[in-house]
Structure formats: structure tokens, C-alpha cells
Amino acid sequence: MTAALPIRQVEKPWGKDVLPAPFKAPEGARIGEIWFEPPAGLPDLLVKYIFTSEKLSVQVHPTDAQTEAKGLGRQGKEECWLIVDAEPGATLGIGFDAPIGADKMREASLDGSIEELMTWHEVVPGDFFYIPANTVHAIGVGVSLIEVQQNSDITYRLYDYGRPRELHLDDGMAVAKGEVYDLAHWHKRVPVEGSAVLVDGPLFLLDQVHGRPTAEIAARYPDALLIIPREGMFTVAGDSIAPGGCALAKSLDLVEFPEDGVCLLARACAG
């Protein structure tokens, strides 16, 4: 069984026909997402790339506790974004400029002013943002990013710029926090080279590794994990994995790390 995860290219009207290296869109296609099918050995995490030529909808996700309370099982969604490419002036909308109540948020969602009330953060490659559940967010134009998330497809859409898609205002207002995003706590600048802890739980772990993992990082990954190459060719259980791919390793011992390679390591936490 190959270690490399199957790749699914997803066409979206808001996607891009010219993708950052090493990706290439098929002729005439606008690729919005590249998904790596979650492996049976690590089903709780989903890794994907997102590429935008238009603003994505303003949305919010519930917590595990909120979906369990609705009888949906553990379907909460927390996620994080690492910017890999950005056009000049590209932004992410996360949280609000000032606290906002549920009634005002609903009204702003209906009349479109929610976009103006949100905080839009200008981004460059290497920006990293953790997005807790209940955080109102949107991805702007000209952004390419890696998303690592809880493997859930529950999204409550609050505003969609007049596109003819369903909104989920009752469900969204029940979980959305009209708060200012804690940039100092949830944002990091990730160097092109060097190792760094990006997410330290409680739902999943994510680390950038340059060369071989340090003992401290290796201790965080005692069993199955995902390998997401950024620079250099990696070998996982005998399979070569290049940047733009993702692989399941049953243990770190089965991964050959190039001396100058850079990759992300990820695993879900027990829960």
C-alpha cells in the first residue's frame, strides 16, 4: 500500500487557472482546492491547498461539543492556514474590528455590511493563522494556502456576496462569536527555513521541520502522522514524496528526511 495520499483536484469558479509551483492547473480549468484523501490510519485530519481568484464566503464552523449536542456526532471544525503564495494586497478576513452581537451580525449578514465589519489581515507567504471554531472568517482574493483542519464538512455560510447559494443564519448565529480575533495569540510568522511548533493541540499537532526533527518535535509524534513536503524530496516507507504531495507515515522511523528539506508534520490528538 502506497504511503502517498490520493489527490483530488476540485474545480471552483473562484479558483485559479495559474497555480503556484509545483502545481499546474489542467488546460481550461480553474482549480480552487487540492485535497488529500484522509487515510484510514489518520482519519481525523484533512489537508488541502486552497487557491483563490475571488473572495470566498463569510462563514463559521461549530465545535465538537456543539455538533454532538445536535446529534451530529463529533463534527466540529478547527483549522489553520499557512500562506504559501499571495498577490500584492491579498487579505484574510478573521473576526471583527469591534465586538458585535448576534442580532447585529445577522442583520449585517443579510445586508452585506458584515464584510465591512470584519478585520481584513493583509498576508504574505509564511503567515500562519489558527482559526478556532466559532470564529467568523473568509479567504480573500489572490491567496494560496495550505489548510490543515479537523475532518468535517460542516460549514455555516453567513454571507456570499450575492451569489445564489444557501445561507445558514440560524445555525451560524447559534455558534458565531462576534469577537476581535486575537492576532497576538493565533498568528505566527513561519520562516522559510528552520523548525517551529505551529499548533500544540488540543485537537491536532502541526510542526514545521527543517532537516531531521529535533528530539523535542520527534517526541510529539510517537505513532502515525502526516508528512507534507515543502522543500526537497522525502521518502516515506520507500515512496518518494515531493512538494505538493502528502503522505501517511506509520512512524517517524519510516521517513527519510533530506538534510536541507522542509516539511510539515501533523497528527490528530486523542480525544
C-alpha atoms as a PDB file:
ATOM      1  CA  MET A   1       0.000   0.000   0.000  1.00  0.00           C
ATOM      2  CA  THR A   2       1.469   3.351  -1.044  1.00  0.00           C
ATOM      3  CA  ALA A   3       2.206   5.979   1.609  1.00  0.00           C
ATOM      4  CA  ALA A   4       1.233   8.842  -0.708  1.00  0.00           C
ATOM      5  CA  LEU A   5      -2.342  10.036  -0.209  1.00  0.00           C
ATOM      6  CA  PRO A   6      -4.646  10.190  -3.241  1.00  0.00           C
ATOM      7  CA  ILE A   7      -5.034  13.726  -4.611  1.00  0.00           C
ATOM      8  CA  ARG A   8      -8.341  15.260  -5.653  1.00  0.00           C
ATOM      9  CA  GLN A   9      -8.284  18.468  -7.714  1.00  0.00           C
ATOM     10  CA  VAL A  10     -11.506  20.422  -7.222  1.00  0.00           C
ATOM     11  CA  GLU A  11     -12.607  22.958  -9.830  1.00  0.00           C
ATOM     12  CA  LYS A  12     -14.253  26.090  -8.423  1.00  0.00           C
ATOM     13  CA  PRO A  13     -15.456  29.251 -10.197  1.00  0.00           C
ATOM     14  CA  TRP A  14     -13.381  31.206  -7.678  1.00  0.00           C
ATOM     15  CA  GLY A  15     -10.280  29.051  -8.292  1.00  0.00           C
ATOM     16  CA  LYS A  16      -7.180  29.885 -10.320  1.00  0.00           C
ATOM     17  CA  ASP A  17      -6.039  28.767 -13.765  1.00  0.00           C
ATOM     18  CA  VAL A  18      -2.407  29.585 -12.919  1.00  0.00           C
ATOM     19  CA  LEU A  19      -1.257  27.898  -9.717  1.00  0.00           C
ATOM     20  CA  PRO A  20       1.946  28.413  -7.704  1.00  0.00           C
ATOM     21  CA  ALA A  21       4.702  25.824  -8.200  1.00  0.00           C
ATOM     22  CA  PRO A  22       4.742  22.868  -8.096  1.00  0.00           C
ATOM     23  CA  PHE A  23       1.059  22.758  -9.071  1.00  0.00           C
ATOM     24  CA  LYS A  24      -0.320  23.166 -12.563  1.00  0.00           C
ATOM     25  CA  ALA A  25      -3.974  23.556 -13.464  1.00  0.00           C
ATOM     26  CA  PRO A  26      -5.264  21.484 -16.395  1.00  0.00           C
ATOM     27  CA  GLU A  27      -5.912  23.486 -19.564  1.00  0.00           C
ATOM     28  CA  GLY A  28      -9.132  25.458 -19.229  1.00  0.00           C
ATOM     29  CA  ALA A  29      -9.662  24.531 -15.560  1.00  0.00           C
ATOM     30  CA  ARG A  30      -9.906  26.799 -12.529  1.00  0.00           C
ATOM     31  CA  ILE A  31      -8.628  24.827  -9.554  1.00  0.00           C
ATOM     32  CA  GLY A  32      -9.876  26.057  -6.194  1.00  0.00           C
ATOM     33  CA  GLU A  33      -8.793  23.200  -3.951  1.00  0.00           C
ATOM     34  CA  ILE A  34      -6.451  20.232  -3.912  1.00  0.00           C
ATOM     35  CA  TRP A  35      -7.487  17.648  -1.325  1.00  0.00           C
ATOM     36  CA  PHE A  36      -5.533  14.741   0.067  1.00  0.00           C
ATOM     37  CA  GLU A  37      -7.932  11.921   0.871  1.00  0.00           C
ATOM     38  CA  PRO A  38      -7.808  11.303   4.653  1.00  0.00           C
ATOM     39  CA  PRO A  39      -6.152   7.929   5.290  1.00  0.00           C
ATOM     40  CA  ALA A  40      -7.787   5.169   7.289  1.00  0.00           C
ATOM     41  CA  GLY A  41      -4.820   5.318   9.657  1.00  0.00           C
ATOM     42  CA  LEU A  42      -5.375   9.005  10.459  1.00  0.00           C
ATOM     43  CA  PRO A  43      -8.978   9.875   9.522  1.00  0.00           C
ATOM     44  CA  ASP A  44      -9.499  12.865  11.818  1.00  0.00           C
ATOM     45  CA  LEU A  45      -7.366  15.324   9.827  1.00  0.00           C
ATOM     46  CA  LEU A  46      -7.838  16.769   6.357  1.00  0.00           C
ATOM     47  CA  VAL A  47      -5.052  18.539   4.464  1.00  0.00           C
ATOM     48  CA  LYS A  48      -5.716  20.648   1.400  1.00  0.00           C
ATOM     49  CA  TYR A  49      -4.420  23.537  -0.650  1.00  0.00           C
ATOM     50  CA  ILE A  50      -6.750  26.440  -1.481  1.00  0.00           C
ATOM     51  CA  PHE A  51      -6.247  28.894  -4.370  1.00  0.00           C
ATOM     52  CA  THR A  52      -8.496  31.946  -4.791  1.00  0.00           C
ATOM     53  CA  SER A  53      -9.216  34.436  -7.569  1.00  0.00           C
ATOM     54  CA  GLU A  54     -12.350  35.758  -5.800  1.00  0.00           C
ATOM     55  CA  LYS A  55     -13.385  36.239  -2.186  1.00  0.00           C
ATOM     56  CA  LEU A  56     -14.761  33.120  -0.526  1.00  0.00           C
ATOM     57  CA  SER A  57     -17.925  33.249   1.561  1.00  0.00           C
ATOM     58  CA  VAL A  58     -18.025  34.596   5.106  1.00  0.00           C
ATOM     59  CA  GLN A  59     -18.537  31.522   7.249  1.00  0.00           C
ATOM     60  CA  VAL A  60     -18.200  29.914  10.654  1.00  0.00           C
ATOM     61  CA  HIS A  61     -17.776  26.354  11.962  1.00  0.00           C
ATOM     62  CA  PRO A  62     -19.083  24.726  15.166  1.00  0.00           C
ATOM     63  CA  THR A  63     -17.141  22.962  17.910  1.00  0.00           C
ATOM     64  CA  ASP A  64     -17.241  19.224  18.572  1.00  0.00           C
ATOM     65  CA  ALA A  65     -19.431  19.873  21.625  1.00  0.00           C
ATOM     66  CA  GLN A  66     -21.910  21.877  19.546  1.00  0.00           C
ATOM     67  CA  THR A  67     -22.281  19.219  16.858  1.00  0.00           C
ATOM     68  CA  GLU A  68     -22.582  16.475  19.464  1.00  0.00           C
ATOM     69  CA  ALA A  69     -25.339  18.460  21.186  1.00  0.00           C
ATOM     70  CA  LYS A  70     -27.232  18.486  17.860  1.00  0.00           C
ATOM     71  CA  GLY A  71     -26.877  14.721  17.479  1.00  0.00           C
ATOM     72  CA  LEU A  72     -24.365  15.005  14.629  1.00  0.00           C
ATOM     73  CA  GLY A  73     -21.505  13.290  16.407  1.00  0.00           C
ATOM     74  CA  ARG A  74     -18.034  14.755  16.686  1.00  0.00           C
ATOM     75  CA  GLN A  75     -18.098  17.011  13.626  1.00  0.00           C
ATOM     76  CA  GLY A  76     -16.567  20.259  14.865  1.00  0.00           C
ATOM     77  CA  LYS A  77     -14.064  22.057  12.704  1.00  0.00           C
ATOM     78  CA  GLU A  78     -10.992  23.961  13.767  1.00  0.00           C
ATOM     79  CA  GLU A  79      -8.458  24.749  11.083  1.00  0.00           C
ATOM     80  CA  CYS A  80      -5.252  26.590  10.353  1.00  0.00           C
ATOM     81  CA  TRP A  81      -3.768  28.289   7.333  1.00  0.00           C
ATOM     82  CA  LEU A  82      -0.179  28.624   6.131  1.00  0.00           C
ATOM     83  CA  ILE A  83       0.136  31.137   3.311  1.00  0.00           C
ATOM     84  CA  VAL A  84       2.331  29.775   0.513  1.00  0.00           C
ATOM     85  CA  ASP A  85       1.702  32.471  -2.101  1.00  0.00           C
ATOM     86  CA  ALA A  86      -0.124  35.796  -2.113  1.00  0.00           C
ATOM     87  CA  GLU A  87      -0.760  38.508  -4.665  1.00  0.00           C
ATOM     88  CA  PRO A  88       0.039  42.065  -3.513  1.00  0.00           C
ATOM     89  CA  GLY A  89      -2.652  43.260  -1.124  1.00  0.00           C
ATOM     90  CA  ALA A  90      -4.155  39.781  -0.586  1.00  0.00           C
ATOM     91  CA  THR A  91      -6.131  39.505   2.653  1.00  0.00           C
ATOM     92  CA  LEU A  92      -7.887  37.124   5.031  1.00  0.00           C
ATOM     93  CA  GLY A  93     -10.987  38.216   6.937  1.00  0.00           C
ATOM     94  CA  ILE A  94     -10.880  36.936  10.518  1.00  0.00           C
ATOM     95  CA  GLY A  95     -13.030  38.251  13.364  1.00  0.00           C
ATOM     96  CA  PHE A  96     -14.343  41.783  13.719  1.00  0.00           C
ATOM     97  CA  ASP A  97     -12.945  45.269  14.191  1.00  0.00           C
ATOM     98  CA  ALA A  98     -15.095  45.608  17.319  1.00  0.00           C
ATOM     99  CA  PRO A  99     -17.328  43.198  19.287  1.00  0.00           C
ATOM    100  CA  ILE A 100     -20.704  42.600  17.640  1.00  0.00           C
ATOM    101  CA  GLY A 101     -23.866  40.927  18.953  1.00  0.00           C
ATOM    102  CA  ALA A 102     -25.798  38.134  17.260  1.00  0.00           C
ATOM    103  CA  ASP A 103     -28.688  40.369  16.151  1.00  0.00           C
ATOM    104  CA  LYS A 104     -26.399  42.916  14.543  1.00  0.00           C
ATOM    105  CA  MET A 105     -24.350  40.126  12.936  1.00  0.00           C
ATOM    106  CA  ARG A 106     -27.488  38.595  11.414  1.00  0.00           C
ATOM    107  CA  GLU A 107     -28.589  41.991  10.101  1.00  0.00           C
ATOM    108  CA  ALA A 108     -25.115  42.641   8.676  1.00  0.00           C
ATOM    109  CA  SER A 109     -25.107  39.219   7.027  1.00  0.00           C
ATOM    110  CA  LEU A 110     -28.406  39.979   5.316  1.00  0.00           C
ATOM    111  CA  ASP A 111     -27.461  43.439   4.050  1.00  0.00           C
ATOM    112  CA  GLY A 112     -23.830  42.608   3.223  1.00  0.00           C
ATOM    113  CA  SER A 113     -22.235  45.025   5.683  1.00  0.00           C
ATOM    114  CA  ILE A 114     -20.664  42.131   7.600  1.00  0.00           C
ATOM    115  CA  GLU A 115     -17.774  42.321   5.143  1.00  0.00           C
ATOM    116  CA  GLU A 116     -17.038  45.889   6.261  1.00  0.00           C
ATOM    117  CA  LEU A 117     -17.278  44.991   9.960  1.00  0.00           C
ATOM    118  CA  MET A 118     -14.722  42.191   9.700  1.00  0.00           C
ATOM    119  CA  THR A 119     -10.989  42.659  10.151  1.00  0.00           C
ATOM    120  CA  TRP A 120      -9.055  42.021   6.929  1.00  0.00           C
ATOM    121  CA  HIS A 121      -5.445  40.986   7.523  1.00  0.00           C
ATOM    122  CA  GLU A 122      -3.005  41.569   4.652  1.00  0.00           C
ATOM    123  CA  VAL A 123      -0.894  38.447   4.141  1.00  0.00           C
ATOM    124  CA  VAL A 124       2.402  37.339   2.616  1.00  0.00           C
ATOM    125  CA  PRO A 125       3.971  33.871   2.270  1.00  0.00           C
ATOM    126  CA  GLY A 126       4.911  32.487   5.674  1.00  0.00           C
ATOM    127  CA  ASP A 127       1.947  33.977   7.531  1.00  0.00           C
ATOM    128  CA  PHE A 128       0.253  31.365   9.706  1.00  0.00           C
ATOM    129  CA  PHE A 129      -3.199  31.679  11.313  1.00  0.00           C
ATOM    130  CA  TYR A 130      -5.053  29.284  13.603  1.00  0.00           C
ATOM    131  CA  ILE A 131      -8.839  29.567  13.236  1.00  0.00           C
ATOM    132  CA  PRO A 132     -10.702  28.300  16.325  1.00  0.00           C
ATOM    133  CA  ALA A 133     -14.239  27.012  15.866  1.00  0.00           C
ATOM    134  CA  ASN A 134     -16.875  29.783  16.237  1.00  0.00           C
ATOM    135  CA  THR A 135     -14.541  32.313  14.554  1.00  0.00           C
ATOM    136  CA  VAL A 136     -16.150  34.196  11.651  1.00  0.00           C
ATOM    137  CA  HIS A 137     -13.741  34.125   8.709  1.00  0.00           C
ATOM    138  CA  ALA A 138     -13.297  34.453   4.953  1.00  0.00           C
ATOM    139  CA  ILE A 139     -10.431  33.981   2.498  1.00  0.00           C
ATOM    140  CA  GLY A 140      -9.809  36.920   0.187  1.00  0.00           C
ATOM    141  CA  VAL A 141      -8.647  37.255  -3.413  1.00  0.00           C
ATOM    142  CA  GLY A 142      -5.227  36.109  -4.612  1.00  0.00           C
ATOM    143  CA  VAL A 143      -4.358  33.756  -1.749  1.00  0.00           C
ATOM    144  CA  SER A 144      -2.749  30.307  -1.956  1.00  0.00           C
ATOM    145  CA  LEU A 145      -2.541  28.407   1.313  1.00  0.00           C
ATOM    146  CA  ILE A 146      -2.189  25.043   2.995  1.00  0.00           C
ATOM    147  CA  GLU A 147      -5.127  24.243   5.259  1.00  0.00           C
ATOM    148  CA  VAL A 148      -4.912  21.616   7.992  1.00  0.00           C
ATOM    149  CA  GLN A 149      -8.258  21.002   9.683  1.00  0.00           C
ATOM    150  CA  GLN A 150     -10.428  18.639  11.622  1.00  0.00           C
ATOM    151  CA  ASN A 151     -12.003  16.369   9.027  1.00  0.00           C
ATOM    152  CA  SER A 152     -15.515  17.826   8.983  1.00  0.00           C
ATOM    153  CA  ASP A 153     -17.635  19.307   6.200  1.00  0.00           C
ATOM    154  CA  ILE A 154     -19.971  21.348   8.431  1.00  0.00           C
ATOM    155  CA  THR A 155     -19.838  24.983   7.347  1.00  0.00           C
ATOM    156  CA  TYR A 156     -22.383  27.676   8.166  1.00  0.00           C
ATOM    157  CA  ARG A 157     -22.359  30.325   5.429  1.00  0.00           C
ATOM    158  CA  LEU A 158     -23.234  33.818   6.664  1.00  0.00           C
ATOM    159  CA  TYR A 159     -22.665  35.943   3.557  1.00  0.00           C
ATOM    160  CA  ASP A 160     -21.751  35.130  -0.037  1.00  0.00           C
ATOM    161  CA  TYR A 161     -21.532  38.449  -1.936  1.00  0.00           C
ATOM    162  CA  GLY A 162     -24.889  37.930  -3.639  1.00  0.00           C
ATOM    163  CA  ARG A 163     -24.074  34.519  -5.076  1.00  0.00           C
ATOM    164  CA  PRO A 164     -27.129  32.231  -5.296  1.00  0.00           C
ATOM    165  CA  ARG A 165     -26.081  29.849  -2.545  1.00  0.00           C
ATOM    166  CA  GLU A 166     -27.894  28.960   0.662  1.00  0.00           C
ATOM    167  CA  LEU A 167     -27.071  30.873   3.835  1.00  0.00           C
ATOM    168  CA  HIS A 168     -27.224  29.212   7.263  1.00  0.00           C
ATOM    169  CA  LEU A 169     -28.034  32.143   9.531  1.00  0.00           C
ATOM    170  CA  ASP A 170     -29.909  30.289  12.278  1.00  0.00           C
ATOM    171  CA  ASP A 171     -27.179  27.704  12.701  1.00  0.00           C
ATOM    172  CA  GLY A 172     -24.468  30.308  12.177  1.00  0.00           C
ATOM    173  CA  MET A 173     -25.782  32.772  14.743  1.00  0.00           C
ATOM    174  CA  ALA A 174     -26.040  29.938  17.263  1.00  0.00           C
ATOM    175  CA  VAL A 175     -22.279  29.371  17.172  1.00  0.00           C
ATOM    176  CA  ALA A 176     -20.608  32.520  15.798  1.00  0.00           C
ATOM    177  CA  LYS A 177     -18.625  34.698  18.166  1.00  0.00           C
ATOM    178  CA  GLY A 178     -18.701  38.376  17.309  1.00  0.00           C
ATOM    179  CA  GLU A 179     -15.225  38.930  18.667  1.00  0.00           C
ATOM    180  CA  VAL A 180     -11.976  40.603  17.724  1.00  0.00           C
ATOM    181  CA  TYR A 181      -9.512  37.945  16.549  1.00  0.00           C
ATOM    182  CA  ASP A 182      -6.604  37.532  18.975  1.00  0.00           C
ATOM    183  CA  LEU A 183      -3.855  38.097  16.424  1.00  0.00           C
ATOM    184  CA  ALA A 184      -1.066  38.030  19.026  1.00  0.00           C
ATOM    185  CA  HIS A 185      -2.125  34.554  20.165  1.00  0.00           C
ATOM    186  CA  TRP A 186      -3.245  32.873  16.934  1.00  0.00           C
ATOM    187  CA  HIS A 187      -0.889  34.311  14.304  1.00  0.00           C
ATOM    188  CA  LYS A 188       2.763  33.438  13.628  1.00  0.00           C
ATOM    189  CA  ARG A 189       5.385  34.244  11.031  1.00  0.00           C
ATOM    190  CA  VAL A 190       6.912  30.970   9.802  1.00  0.00           C
ATOM    191  CA  PRO A 191      10.453  31.200   8.407  1.00  0.00           C
ATOM    192  CA  VAL A 192      11.234  29.678   5.027  1.00  0.00           C
ATOM    193  CA  GLU A 193      13.817  27.526   6.793  1.00  0.00           C
ATOM    194  CA  GLY A 194      14.021  26.385  10.391  1.00  0.00           C
ATOM    195  CA  SER A 195      11.824  24.266  12.637  1.00  0.00           C
ATOM    196  CA  ALA A 196       8.816  25.611  14.524  1.00  0.00           C
ATOM    197  CA  VAL A 197       5.844  24.364  16.527  1.00  0.00           C
ATOM    198  CA  LEU A 198       2.763  25.709  14.746  1.00  0.00           C
ATOM    199  CA  VAL A 199      -0.124  24.010  16.567  1.00  0.00           C
ATOM    200  CA  ASP A 200       0.185  22.434  20.002  1.00  0.00           C
ATOM    201  CA  GLY A 201      -3.255  20.868  20.401  1.00  0.00           C
ATOM    202  CA  PRO A 202      -5.686  20.238  21.874  1.00  0.00           C
ATOM    203  CA  LEU A 203      -7.237  18.843  18.679  1.00  0.00           C
ATOM    204  CA  PHE A 204      -4.180  18.322  16.491  1.00  0.00           C
ATOM    205  CA  LEU A 205      -0.465  18.990  16.269  1.00  0.00           C
ATOM    206  CA  LEU A 206       1.379  20.707  13.426  1.00  0.00           C
ATOM    207  CA  ASP A 207       5.112  21.362  13.151  1.00  0.00           C
ATOM    208  CA  GLN A 208       7.463  22.671  10.514  1.00  0.00           C
ATOM    209  CA  VAL A 209      10.690  20.669  10.337  1.00  0.00           C
ATOM    210  CA  HIS A 210      13.949  21.657   8.617  1.00  0.00           C
ATOM    211  CA  GLY A 211      16.157  18.608   8.139  1.00  0.00           C
ATOM    212  CA  ARG A 212      15.588  15.856  10.679  1.00  0.00           C
ATOM    213  CA  PRO A 213      13.140  16.544  13.524  1.00  0.00           C
ATOM    214  CA  THR A 214      14.656  17.608  16.814  1.00  0.00           C
ATOM    215  CA  ALA A 215      14.207  15.233  19.745  1.00  0.00           C
ATOM    216  CA  GLU A 216      11.557  17.563  21.159  1.00  0.00           C
ATOM    217  CA  ILE A 217       9.500  17.532  17.948  1.00  0.00           C
ATOM    218  CA  ALA A 218      10.022  13.804  17.384  1.00  0.00           C
ATOM    219  CA  ALA A 219       8.584  13.110  20.837  1.00  0.00           C
ATOM    220  CA  ARG A 220       5.329  14.722  19.716  1.00  0.00           C
ATOM    221  CA  TYR A 221       4.877  12.061  17.016  1.00  0.00           C
ATOM    222  CA  PRO A 222       5.102   8.602  18.646  1.00  0.00           C
ATOM    223  CA  ASP A 223       2.957   6.851  16.018  1.00  0.00           C
ATOM    224  CA  ALA A 224       1.115   7.598  12.757  1.00  0.00           C
ATOM    225  CA  LEU A 225       1.483  11.064  11.245  1.00  0.00           C
ATOM    226  CA  LEU A 226       1.133  13.011   8.015  1.00  0.00           C
ATOM    227  CA  ILE A 227       4.151  14.329   6.079  1.00  0.00           C
ATOM    228  CA  ILE A 228       3.598  17.425   3.923  1.00  0.00           C
ATOM    229  CA  PRO A 229       6.798  18.286   1.984  1.00  0.00           C
ATOM    230  CA  ARG A 230       7.517  21.967   1.340  1.00  0.00           C
ATOM    231  CA  GLU A 231      11.117  21.809   0.027  1.00  0.00           C
ATOM    232  CA  GLY A 232      13.089  18.722  -1.036  1.00  0.00           C
ATOM    233  CA  MET A 233      12.238  15.108  -1.785  1.00  0.00           C
ATOM    234  CA  PHE A 234      11.152  12.919   1.135  1.00  0.00           C
ATOM    235  CA  THR A 235      10.919   9.138   1.318  1.00  0.00           C
ATOM    236  CA  VAL A 236       8.102   7.550   3.330  1.00  0.00           C
ATOM    237  CA  ALA A 237       8.117   3.767   3.637  1.00  0.00           C
ATOM    238  CA  GLY A 238      10.068   3.613   0.376  1.00  0.00           C
ATOM    239  CA  ASP A 239       7.773   6.011  -1.530  1.00  0.00           C
ATOM    240  CA  SER A 240       9.193   9.301  -2.829  1.00  0.00           C
ATOM    241  CA  ILE A 241       7.053  12.273  -1.791  1.00  0.00           C
ATOM    242  CA  ALA A 242       7.687  15.658  -3.400  1.00  0.00           C
ATOM    243  CA  PRO A 243       6.385  19.130  -2.521  1.00  0.00           C
ATOM    244  CA  GLY A 244       2.731  19.310  -3.481  1.00  0.00           C
ATOM    245  CA  GLY A 245       2.116  15.832  -2.051  1.00  0.00           C
ATOM    246  CA  CYS A 246       1.140  14.413   1.321  1.00  0.00           C
ATOM    247  CA  ALA A 247       1.857  11.011   2.837  1.00  0.00           C
ATOM    248  CA  LEU A 248       0.877   8.860   5.790  1.00  0.00           C
ATOM    249  CA  ALA A 249       3.809   7.518   7.794  1.00  0.00           C
ATOM    250  CA  LYS A 250       3.109   4.801  10.345  1.00  0.00           C
ATOM    251  CA  SER A 251       6.064   6.146  12.326  1.00  0.00           C
ATOM    252  CA  LEU A 252       8.863   8.705  12.028  1.00  0.00           C
ATOM    253  CA  ASP A 253      11.331   5.826  11.653  1.00  0.00           C
ATOM    254  CA  LEU A 254       9.858   5.164   8.197  1.00  0.00           C
ATOM    255  CA  VAL A 255      10.619   8.700   6.959  1.00  0.00           C
ATOM    256  CA  GLU A 256      13.894   9.739   5.315  1.00  0.00           C
ATOM    257  CA  PHE A 257      14.404  13.471   5.803  1.00  0.00           C
ATOM    258  CA  PRO A 258      16.716  15.262   3.333  1.00  0.00           C
ATOM    259  CA  GLU A 259      19.323  17.410   5.085  1.00  0.00           C
ATOM    260  CA  ASP A 260      18.003  20.659   3.595  1.00  0.00           C
ATOM    261  CA  GLY A 261      14.384  19.540   3.296  1.00  0.00           C
ATOM    262  CA  VAL A 262      11.463  21.407   4.841  1.00  0.00           C
ATOM    263  CA  CYS A 263       8.167  19.732   5.620  1.00  0.00           C
ATOM    264  CA  LEU A 264       5.143  19.881   7.857  1.00  0.00           C
ATOM    265  CA  LEU A 265       4.286  17.094  10.301  1.00  0.00           C
ATOM    266  CA  ALA A 266       0.715  16.684  11.514  1.00  0.00           C
ATOM    267  CA  ARG A 267      -1.347  14.329  13.627  1.00  0.00           C
ATOM    268  CA  ALA A 268      -4.670  14.393  15.437  1.00  0.00           C
ATOM    269  CA  CYS A 269      -4.686  14.311  19.220  1.00  0.00           C
ATOM    270  CA  ALA A 270      -6.515  11.540  21.040  1.00  0.00           C
ATOM    271  CA  GLY A 271      -9.965  12.606  22.119  1.00  0.00           C
END
